[in-house]
Amino acid sequence: MAKAYKVSGMTCGGCVRSVERAIKAVAPDSEIEVDLASGKVSVEGTVDEQVIAKAVEDAGFDFGGAIV
């Protein structure tokens, strides 16, 4: 099941790749889709939101939580 999250601070393709790498490091089997313009990050897989939040924040971006 895919979950969407708000991530702030991404300004370029390099930022997108950094977020993707950070999430893949903690959830290697997940499918990740990042929309730079909206700051929406979709993660398909079974990984805890807190784990994703820490990975994103450790990569230098602001994790805004789940988008409902």
N, C-alpha and C. Protein backbone atom coordinates (compact mmCIF):
# COMPACT_ATOMS: atom_id res chain seq x y z
N MET A 1 0.83 -1.18 0.00
CA MET A 1 0.00 0.00 0.00
C MET A 1 0.88 1.25 0.00
N ALA A 2 0.60 2.16 -0.89
CA ALA A 2 1.40 3.39 -1.00
C ALA A 2 0.92 4.42 0.02
N LYS A 3 1.89 5.11 0.58
CA LYS A 3 1.60 6.23 1.47
C LYS A 3 2.33 7.44 0.94
N ALA A 4 1.72 8.60 1.08
CA ALA A 4 2.31 9.84 0.59
C ALA A 4 2.70 10.72 1.77
N TYR A 5 3.84 11.39 1.60
CA TYR A 5 4.37 12.25 2.65
C TYR A 5 4.78 13.59 2.05
N LYS A 6 4.75 14.62 2.87
CA LYS A 6 5.20 15.95 2.47
C LYS A 6 6.65 16.12 2.91
N VAL A 7 7.50 16.50 1.96
CA VAL A 7 8.91 16.74 2.25
C VAL A 7 9.27 18.12 1.72
N SER A 8 9.80 18.97 2.59
CA SER A 8 10.18 20.33 2.21
C SER A 8 11.69 20.45 2.10
N GLY A 9 12.13 21.41 1.29
CA GLY A 9 13.55 21.70 1.18
C GLY A 9 14.18 21.16 -0.08
N MET A 10 13.42 20.43 -0.89
CA MET A 10 13.97 19.92 -2.15
C MET A 10 13.88 21.01 -3.20
N THR A 11 15.01 21.28 -3.88
CA THR A 11 15.04 22.35 -4.87
C THR A 11 15.49 21.91 -6.25
N CYS A 12 15.97 20.67 -6.37
CA CYS A 12 16.51 20.24 -7.66
C CYS A 12 16.49 18.71 -7.77
N GLY A 13 16.90 18.22 -8.92
CA GLY A 13 16.96 16.79 -9.14
C GLY A 13 17.91 16.08 -8.19
N GLY A 14 18.97 16.76 -7.80
CA GLY A 14 19.91 16.18 -6.84
C GLY A 14 19.24 15.94 -5.50
N CYS A 15 18.39 16.86 -5.11
CA CYS A 15 17.64 16.71 -3.85
C CYS A 15 16.71 15.50 -3.94
N VAL A 16 16.05 15.37 -5.07
CA VAL A 16 15.15 14.23 -5.29
C VAL A 16 15.92 12.92 -5.14
N ARG A 17 17.09 12.84 -5.78
CA ARG A 17 17.90 11.62 -5.69
C ARG A 17 18.37 11.38 -4.25
N SER A 18 18.68 12.43 -3.53
CA SER A 18 19.11 12.27 -2.13
C SER A 18 17.98 11.69 -1.27
N VAL A 19 16.77 12.19 -1.48
CA VAL A 19 15.62 11.68 -0.73
C VAL A 19 15.37 10.22 -1.11
N GLU A 20 15.41 9.92 -2.39
CA GLU A 20 15.20 8.54 -2.85
C GLU A 20 16.24 7.60 -2.24
N ARG A 21 17.51 7.99 -2.26
CA ARG A 21 18.59 7.16 -1.70
C ARG A 21 18.39 6.96 -0.19
N ALA A 22 18.01 8.04 0.50
CA ALA A 22 17.83 7.95 1.95
C ALA A 22 16.72 6.96 2.31
N ILE A 23 15.63 7.01 1.58
CA ILE A 23 14.51 6.10 1.86
C ILE A 23 14.88 4.68 1.44
N LYS A 24 15.53 4.52 0.30
CA LYS A 24 15.94 3.18 -0.16
C LYS A 24 16.89 2.52 0.85
N ALA A 25 17.69 3.33 1.53
CA ALA A 25 18.64 2.78 2.51
C ALA A 25 17.92 2.11 3.68
N VAL A 26 16.75 2.63 4.05
CA VAL A 26 16.01 2.05 5.18
C VAL A 26 14.86 1.15 4.73
N ALA A 27 14.50 1.24 3.45
CA ALA A 27 13.41 0.44 2.91
C ALA A 27 13.77 -0.02 1.49
N PRO A 28 14.74 -0.93 1.38
CA PRO A 28 15.27 -1.29 0.07
C PRO A 28 14.27 -1.93 -0.88
N ASP A 29 13.21 -2.52 -0.37
CA ASP A 29 12.23 -3.17 -1.23
C ASP A 29 11.08 -2.25 -1.63
N SER A 30 11.12 -1.01 -1.20
CA SER A 30 10.04 -0.07 -1.48
C SER A 30 10.19 0.59 -2.85
N GLU A 31 9.06 0.94 -3.41
CA GLU A 31 9.02 1.76 -4.63
C GLU A 31 8.80 3.20 -4.17
N ILE A 32 9.61 4.12 -4.69
CA ILE A 32 9.55 5.51 -4.25
C ILE A 32 9.33 6.41 -5.45
N GLU A 33 8.41 7.36 -5.29
CA GLU A 33 8.16 8.35 -6.33
C GLU A 33 8.18 9.73 -5.68
N VAL A 34 9.00 10.62 -6.22
CA VAL A 34 9.15 11.96 -5.66
C VAL A 34 8.70 12.98 -6.68
N ASP A 35 7.79 13.88 -6.26
CA ASP A 35 7.34 14.98 -7.10
C ASP A 35 7.98 16.25 -6.54
N LEU A 36 8.99 16.74 -7.24
CA LEU A 36 9.74 17.90 -6.77
C LEU A 36 8.85 19.13 -6.61
N ALA A 37 7.98 19.39 -7.59
CA ALA A 37 7.15 20.60 -7.58
C ALA A 37 6.23 20.68 -6.36
N SER A 38 5.64 19.56 -5.99
CA SER A 38 4.69 19.57 -4.88
C SER A 38 5.31 19.16 -3.55
N GLY A 39 6.50 18.56 -3.61
CA GLY A 39 7.14 18.08 -2.39
C GLY A 39 6.52 16.79 -1.88
N LYS A 40 5.79 16.10 -2.76
CA LYS A 40 5.12 14.86 -2.37
C LYS A 40 6.04 13.67 -2.64
N VAL A 41 6.18 12.82 -1.62
CA VAL A 41 6.98 11.60 -1.74
C VAL A 41 6.06 10.43 -1.45
N SER A 42 5.90 9.56 -2.44
CA SER A 42 5.07 8.36 -2.29
C SER A 42 5.98 7.15 -2.08
N VAL A 43 5.62 6.36 -1.09
CA VAL A 43 6.41 5.17 -0.77
C VAL A 43 5.46 3.96 -0.78
N GLU A 44 5.76 3.01 -1.65
CA GLU A 44 4.99 1.77 -1.74
C GLU A 44 5.79 0.69 -1.04
N GLY A 45 5.25 0.17 0.04
CA GLY A 45 5.96 -0.87 0.79
C GLY A 45 5.58 -0.81 2.25
N THR A 46 6.14 -1.72 3.02
CA THR A 46 5.83 -1.79 4.44
C THR A 46 7.01 -1.27 5.25
N VAL A 47 6.97 0.01 5.52
CA VAL A 47 8.01 0.64 6.34
C VAL A 47 7.34 1.68 7.23
N ASP A 48 7.80 1.77 8.44
CA ASP A 48 7.22 2.67 9.43
C ASP A 48 7.48 4.14 9.07
N GLU A 49 6.49 4.97 9.27
CA GLU A 49 6.60 6.40 8.96
C GLU A 49 7.75 7.06 9.73
N GLN A 50 7.96 6.66 10.97
CA GLN A 50 9.04 7.25 11.77
C GLN A 50 10.41 6.93 11.19
N VAL A 51 10.55 5.75 10.60
CA VAL A 51 11.81 5.36 9.96
C VAL A 51 12.05 6.23 8.73
N ILE A 52 11.01 6.44 7.94
CA ILE A 52 11.12 7.30 6.76
C ILE A 52 11.44 8.72 7.18
N ALA A 53 10.75 9.21 8.20
CA ALA A 53 10.97 10.58 8.69
C ALA A 53 12.43 10.79 9.09
N LYS A 54 12.98 9.84 9.84
CA LYS A 54 14.37 9.98 10.29
C LYS A 54 15.32 9.96 9.09
N ALA A 55 15.09 9.08 8.13
CA ALA A 55 15.96 9.00 6.95
C ALA A 55 15.93 10.31 6.17
N VAL A 56 14.73 10.86 5.98
CA VAL A 56 14.58 12.12 5.23
C VAL A 56 15.27 13.26 5.98
N GLU A 57 15.05 13.34 7.27
CA GLU A 57 15.65 14.42 8.06
C GLU A 57 17.17 14.28 8.15
N ASP A 58 17.65 13.04 8.25
CA ASP A 58 19.10 12.82 8.27
C ASP A 58 19.74 13.22 6.94
N ALA A 59 18.96 13.18 5.87
CA ALA A 59 19.45 13.59 4.55
C ALA A 59 19.41 15.11 4.37
N GLY A 60 18.85 15.82 5.36
CA GLY A 60 18.87 17.27 5.34
C GLY A 60 17.58 17.94 4.88
N PHE A 61 16.47 17.20 4.89
CA PHE A 61 15.21 17.75 4.43
C PHE A 61 14.18 17.71 5.56
N ASP A 62 13.14 18.51 5.42
CA ASP A 62 12.10 18.58 6.44
C ASP A 62 10.97 17.62 6.12
N PHE A 63 10.66 16.73 7.04
CA PHE A 63 9.60 15.75 6.87
C PHE A 63 8.33 16.33 7.46
N GLY A 64 7.31 16.50 6.62
CA GLY A 64 6.07 17.13 7.06
C GLY A 64 4.96 16.17 7.44
N GLY A 65 5.21 14.88 7.35
CA GLY A 65 4.21 13.91 7.74
C GLY A 65 3.39 13.41 6.58
N ALA A 66 2.43 12.57 6.92
CA ALA A 66 1.60 11.93 5.90
C ALA A 66 0.63 12.92 5.27
N ILE A 67 0.41 12.73 3.98
CA ILE A 67 -0.61 13.49 3.26
C ILE A 67 -1.85 12.61 3.21
N VAL A 68 -2.94 13.14 3.68
CA VAL A 68 -4.19 12.34 3.72
C VAL A 68 -5.01 12.60 2.48
